[in-house]
Structures are given as structure tokens and as C-alpha cells.
């Protein structure tokens, strides 16, 4: 299930970016972007990585993915209340 969800999210991102989002100078038409090799953690591409931006929609989707994974592993339930401390926020 997790691999399928990651695949769907990846496919969604590729469709959203499309071929027109890459400019002639190989910059992504976005405020910021980062690409990393998942197995090594090596940064492959970065653009404005230090720029402060609001939380992106993909971050929200990945948060849901993590929550669903923890629910499947019985670490959380849909009724679990999580307190967000100022340090975490």
C-alpha cells in the first residue's frame, strides 16, 4: 500500500510539473525545488533551498501518508490526539 501511494504521489508530481515547467536554463519554474537520491540522500538538484516559504501541498500529502502508515502499524488511530508543542511548531 505504501509503495502504491508513493508511486501515485510521484506520478501526480510528474504530471503537475509537465514538460513546460523546465525552463531553457534547466531551472524549475517554481519558487524552490530540491531533488535527492532516496537511497543515498545525495542532493541531485536544488533551487532556492534556503528561501522561507509556506508549507506546500505535497508536504500535506506526505504527512497524511506517514499518518496512514502509523495507523496501519497500530502506532496511532484516527482518534489519537497529538499535541503540537511550540518547539515542534
N, C-alpha and C. Protein backbone atom coordinates (compact mmCIF):
# COMPACT_ATOMS: atom_id res chain seq x y z
N UNK A 1 0.83 -1.19 0.00
CA UNK A 1 0.00 0.00 0.00
C UNK A 1 0.87 1.26 0.00
N UNK A 2 1.93 1.24 0.82
CA UNK A 2 2.79 2.41 0.93
C UNK A 2 3.51 2.67 -0.40
N UNK A 3 4.00 1.61 -1.04
CA UNK A 3 4.69 1.77 -2.32
C UNK A 3 3.73 2.30 -3.38
N UNK A 4 2.49 1.83 -3.36
CA UNK A 4 1.50 2.30 -4.32
C UNK A 4 1.20 3.77 -4.10
N UNK A 5 1.08 4.18 -2.84
CA UNK A 5 0.80 5.58 -2.54
C UNK A 5 1.96 6.47 -2.97
N UNK A 6 3.20 6.04 -2.71
CA UNK A 6 4.37 6.81 -3.13
C UNK A 6 4.41 6.90 -4.65
N UNK A 7 4.10 5.80 -5.33
CA UNK A 7 4.08 5.80 -6.79
C UNK A 7 3.04 6.79 -7.31
N UNK A 8 1.86 6.78 -6.72
CA UNK A 8 0.79 7.69 -7.16
C UNK A 8 1.19 9.14 -6.91
N UNK A 9 1.78 9.42 -5.76
CA UNK A 9 2.24 10.78 -5.47
C UNK A 9 3.32 11.22 -6.45
N UNK A 10 4.23 10.32 -6.78
CA UNK A 10 5.29 10.63 -7.74
C UNK A 10 4.71 10.90 -9.12
N UNK A 11 3.78 10.07 -9.53
CA UNK A 11 3.13 10.25 -10.83
C UNK A 11 2.38 11.58 -10.86
N UNK A 12 1.68 11.90 -9.80
CA UNK A 12 0.96 13.16 -9.69
C UNK A 12 1.91 14.35 -9.84
N UNK A 13 3.06 14.29 -9.16
CA UNK A 13 4.03 15.38 -9.24
C UNK A 13 4.58 15.53 -10.65
N UNK A 14 4.86 14.41 -11.32
CA UNK A 14 5.39 14.48 -12.69
C UNK A 14 4.35 15.09 -13.62
N UNK A 15 3.10 14.71 -13.45
CA UNK A 15 2.04 15.27 -14.29
C UNK A 15 1.85 16.75 -14.04
N UNK A 16 1.94 17.15 -12.77
CA UNK A 16 1.75 18.56 -12.43
C UNK A 16 2.89 19.42 -12.97
N UNK A 17 4.10 18.90 -12.95
CA UNK A 17 5.24 19.67 -13.41
C UNK A 17 5.24 19.77 -14.93
N UNK A 18 4.97 18.68 -15.61
CA UNK A 18 4.91 18.67 -17.06
C UNK A 18 6.20 19.11 -17.70
N UNK A 19 6.26 19.02 -19.01
CA UNK A 19 7.48 19.38 -19.72
C UNK A 19 7.67 20.88 -19.81
N UNK A 20 6.62 21.69 -19.65
CA UNK A 20 6.73 23.13 -19.77
C UNK A 20 7.30 23.79 -18.53
N UNK A 21 7.37 23.08 -17.42
CA UNK A 21 7.84 23.70 -16.19
C UNK A 21 9.35 23.84 -16.13
N UNK A 22 10.07 23.16 -16.99
CA UNK A 22 11.52 23.28 -17.02
C UNK A 22 11.88 24.37 -18.02
N UNK A 23 12.60 25.36 -17.56
CA UNK A 23 12.98 26.47 -18.41
C UNK A 23 14.22 26.13 -19.21
N UNK A 24 14.57 27.01 -20.16
CA UNK A 24 15.71 26.77 -21.04
C UNK A 24 17.02 26.64 -20.27
N UNK A 25 17.16 27.30 -19.13
CA UNK A 25 18.40 27.23 -18.37
C UNK A 25 18.38 26.12 -17.33
N UNK A 26 17.50 25.13 -17.50
CA UNK A 26 17.37 23.96 -16.61
C UNK A 26 16.95 24.31 -15.20
N UNK A 27 16.33 25.45 -15.02
CA UNK A 27 15.75 25.79 -13.72
C UNK A 27 14.29 25.37 -13.71
N UNK A 28 13.82 24.95 -12.58
CA UNK A 28 12.42 24.56 -12.42
C UNK A 28 11.60 25.83 -12.24
N UNK A 29 10.45 25.90 -12.90
CA UNK A 29 9.58 27.06 -12.79
C UNK A 29 8.79 26.97 -11.48
N UNK A 30 9.50 27.18 -10.37
CA UNK A 30 8.90 27.12 -9.04
C UNK A 30 9.71 28.03 -8.12
N UNK A 31 9.12 28.41 -7.00
CA UNK A 31 9.83 29.26 -6.05
C UNK A 31 11.05 28.56 -5.47
N UNK A 32 10.93 27.26 -5.25
CA UNK A 32 12.04 26.48 -4.71
C UNK A 32 11.84 25.02 -5.10
N UNK A 33 12.93 24.27 -5.17
CA UNK A 33 12.85 22.85 -5.51
C UNK A 33 14.08 22.13 -4.98
N UNK A 34 13.91 20.84 -4.71
CA UNK A 34 15.04 20.01 -4.30
C UNK A 34 14.77 18.59 -4.77
N UNK A 35 15.82 17.92 -5.26
CA UNK A 35 15.72 16.52 -5.67
C UNK A 35 16.88 15.78 -5.02
N UNK A 36 16.55 14.67 -4.39
CA UNK A 36 17.57 13.87 -3.71
C UNK A 36 17.41 12.41 -4.09
N UNK A 37 18.52 11.69 -4.10
CA UNK A 37 18.51 10.25 -4.31
C UNK A 37 18.01 9.61 -3.01
N UNK A 38 16.90 8.91 -3.08
CA UNK A 38 16.29 8.34 -1.87
C UNK A 38 17.17 7.32 -1.19
N UNK A 39 17.97 6.59 -1.94
CA UNK A 39 18.79 5.54 -1.32
C UNK A 39 20.06 6.08 -0.67
N UNK A 40 20.63 7.16 -1.21
CA UNK A 40 21.89 7.69 -0.67
C UNK A 40 21.73 9.02 0.07
N UNK A 41 20.63 9.73 -0.20
CA UNK A 41 20.44 11.04 0.40
C UNK A 41 21.21 12.14 -0.32
N UNK A 42 21.91 11.78 -1.40
CA UNK A 42 22.69 12.77 -2.16
C UNK A 42 21.75 13.75 -2.86
N UNK A 43 22.04 15.05 -2.72
CA UNK A 43 21.26 16.08 -3.37
C UNK A 43 21.64 16.11 -4.85
N UNK A 44 20.67 15.93 -5.72
CA UNK A 44 20.90 15.91 -7.16
C UNK A 44 20.67 17.31 -7.75
N UNK A 45 19.65 18.01 -7.26
CA UNK A 45 19.31 19.34 -7.76
C UNK A 45 18.74 20.15 -6.62
N UNK A 46 19.08 21.42 -6.58
CA UNK A 46 18.47 22.31 -5.59
C UNK A 46 18.34 23.71 -6.18
N UNK A 47 17.28 24.38 -5.76
CA UNK A 47 16.99 25.72 -6.23
C UNK A 47 16.31 26.47 -5.09
N UNK A 48 16.93 27.54 -4.63
CA UNK A 48 16.39 28.38 -3.55
C UNK A 48 16.02 27.56 -2.30
N UNK A 49 16.88 26.64 -1.91
CA UNK A 49 16.56 25.75 -0.78
C UNK A 49 16.53 26.49 0.56
N UNK A 50 17.16 27.65 0.65
CA UNK A 50 17.18 28.40 1.91
C UNK A 50 16.07 29.44 1.98
N UNK A 51 15.25 29.54 0.95
CA UNK A 51 14.17 30.53 0.90
C UNK A 51 13.02 30.07 1.79
N UNK A 52 12.56 30.96 2.68
CA UNK A 52 11.45 30.64 3.58
C UNK A 52 10.14 30.73 2.80
N UNK A 53 9.40 29.63 2.76
CA UNK A 53 8.14 29.56 2.02
C UNK A 53 7.08 28.90 2.88
N UNK A 54 5.79 29.13 2.56
CA UNK A 54 4.73 28.42 3.29
C UNK A 54 4.76 26.93 2.95
N UNK A 55 4.11 26.13 3.77
CA UNK A 55 4.08 24.69 3.58
C UNK A 55 3.38 24.37 2.25
N UNK A 56 3.98 23.49 1.47
CA UNK A 56 3.44 23.11 0.16
C UNK A 56 2.42 21.99 0.29
N UNK A 57 1.59 21.86 -0.71
CA UNK A 57 0.56 20.81 -0.70
C UNK A 57 1.17 19.42 -0.64
N UNK A 58 2.30 19.20 -1.30
CA UNK A 58 2.92 17.87 -1.27
C UNK A 58 3.34 17.51 0.15
N UNK A 59 3.72 18.52 0.93
CA UNK A 59 4.08 18.27 2.33
C UNK A 59 2.86 17.75 3.09
N UNK A 60 1.71 18.33 2.81
CA UNK A 60 0.48 17.88 3.46
C UNK A 60 0.14 16.45 3.04
N UNK A 61 0.32 16.13 1.76
CA UNK A 61 0.05 14.77 1.29
C UNK A 61 1.00 13.77 1.93
N UNK A 62 2.26 14.12 2.04
CA UNK A 62 3.22 13.20 2.66
C UNK A 62 2.94 13.04 4.15
N UNK A 63 2.44 14.09 4.80
CA UNK A 63 2.06 13.98 6.20
C UNK A 63 0.94 12.95 6.36
N UNK A 64 -0.04 13.01 5.49
CA UNK A 64 -1.14 12.04 5.52
C UNK A 64 -0.60 10.63 5.27
N UNK A 65 0.34 10.49 4.36
CA UNK A 65 0.95 9.19 4.08
C UNK A 65 1.60 8.61 5.33
N UNK A 66 2.35 9.44 6.06
CA UNK A 66 3.00 8.99 7.29
C UNK A 66 1.96 8.60 8.34
N UNK A 67 0.92 9.42 8.47
CA UNK A 67 -0.14 9.14 9.46
C UNK A 67 -0.83 7.81 9.13
N UNK A 68 -1.18 7.60 7.86
CA UNK A 68 -1.83 6.36 7.47
C UNK A 68 -0.92 5.15 7.72
N UNK A 69 0.36 5.32 7.47
CA UNK A 69 1.31 4.24 7.73
C UNK A 69 1.36 3.90 9.22
N UNK A 70 1.38 4.92 10.08
CA UNK A 70 1.42 4.68 11.52
C UNK A 70 0.10 4.09 12.02
N UNK A 71 -1.00 4.42 11.39
CA UNK A 71 -2.28 3.80 11.76
C UNK A 71 -2.28 2.33 11.40
N UNK A 72 -1.75 2.00 10.21
CA UNK A 72 -1.66 0.59 9.81
C UNK A 72 -0.77 -0.21 10.74
N UNK A 73 0.27 0.43 11.28
CA UNK A 73 1.18 -0.25 12.20
C UNK A 73 0.68 -0.21 13.64
N UNK A 74 -0.54 0.30 13.83
CA UNK A 74 -1.19 0.38 15.15
C UNK A 74 -0.44 1.30 16.13
N UNK A 75 0.34 2.24 15.61
CA UNK A 75 1.01 3.22 16.47
C UNK A 75 0.09 4.40 16.76
N UNK A 76 -0.86 4.65 15.87
CA UNK A 76 -1.86 5.72 16.02
C UNK A 76 -3.22 5.16 15.64
N UNK A 77 -4.27 5.90 16.01
CA UNK A 77 -5.60 5.62 15.50
C UNK A 77 -6.15 6.95 14.97
N UNK A 78 -7.27 6.87 14.25
CA UNK A 78 -7.85 8.11 13.71
C UNK A 78 -8.34 9.02 14.83
N UNK A 79 -8.52 8.49 16.02
CA UNK A 79 -8.99 9.29 17.16
C UNK A 79 -7.85 9.82 18.03
N UNK A 80 -6.61 9.47 17.73
CA UNK A 80 -5.47 9.90 18.52
C UNK A 80 -5.31 11.41 18.43
N UNK A 81 -5.23 12.06 19.60
CA UNK A 81 -4.98 13.50 19.62
C UNK A 81 -3.49 13.72 19.84
N UNK A 82 -2.91 14.57 19.03
CA UNK A 82 -1.48 14.86 19.10
C UNK A 82 -1.32 16.32 19.46
N UNK A 83 -0.57 16.57 20.54
CA UNK A 83 -0.34 17.93 20.97
C UNK A 83 0.94 18.45 20.28
N UNK A 84 0.81 19.58 19.64
CA UNK A 84 1.95 20.20 18.96
C UNK A 84 2.57 21.23 19.92
N UNK A 85 3.79 20.96 20.31
CA UNK A 85 4.48 21.87 21.22
C UNK A 85 5.05 23.06 20.44
N UNK A 86 5.34 24.16 21.11
CA UNK A 86 5.94 25.31 20.41
C UNK A 86 7.25 24.96 19.74
N UNK A 87 8.03 24.04 20.34
CA UNK A 87 9.29 23.64 19.74
C UNK A 87 9.09 22.94 18.41
N UNK A 88 8.11 22.06 18.36
CA UNK A 88 7.81 21.33 17.13
C UNK A 88 7.23 22.27 16.07
N UNK A 89 6.34 23.16 16.51
CA UNK A 89 5.71 24.10 15.56
C UNK A 89 6.77 25.01 14.98
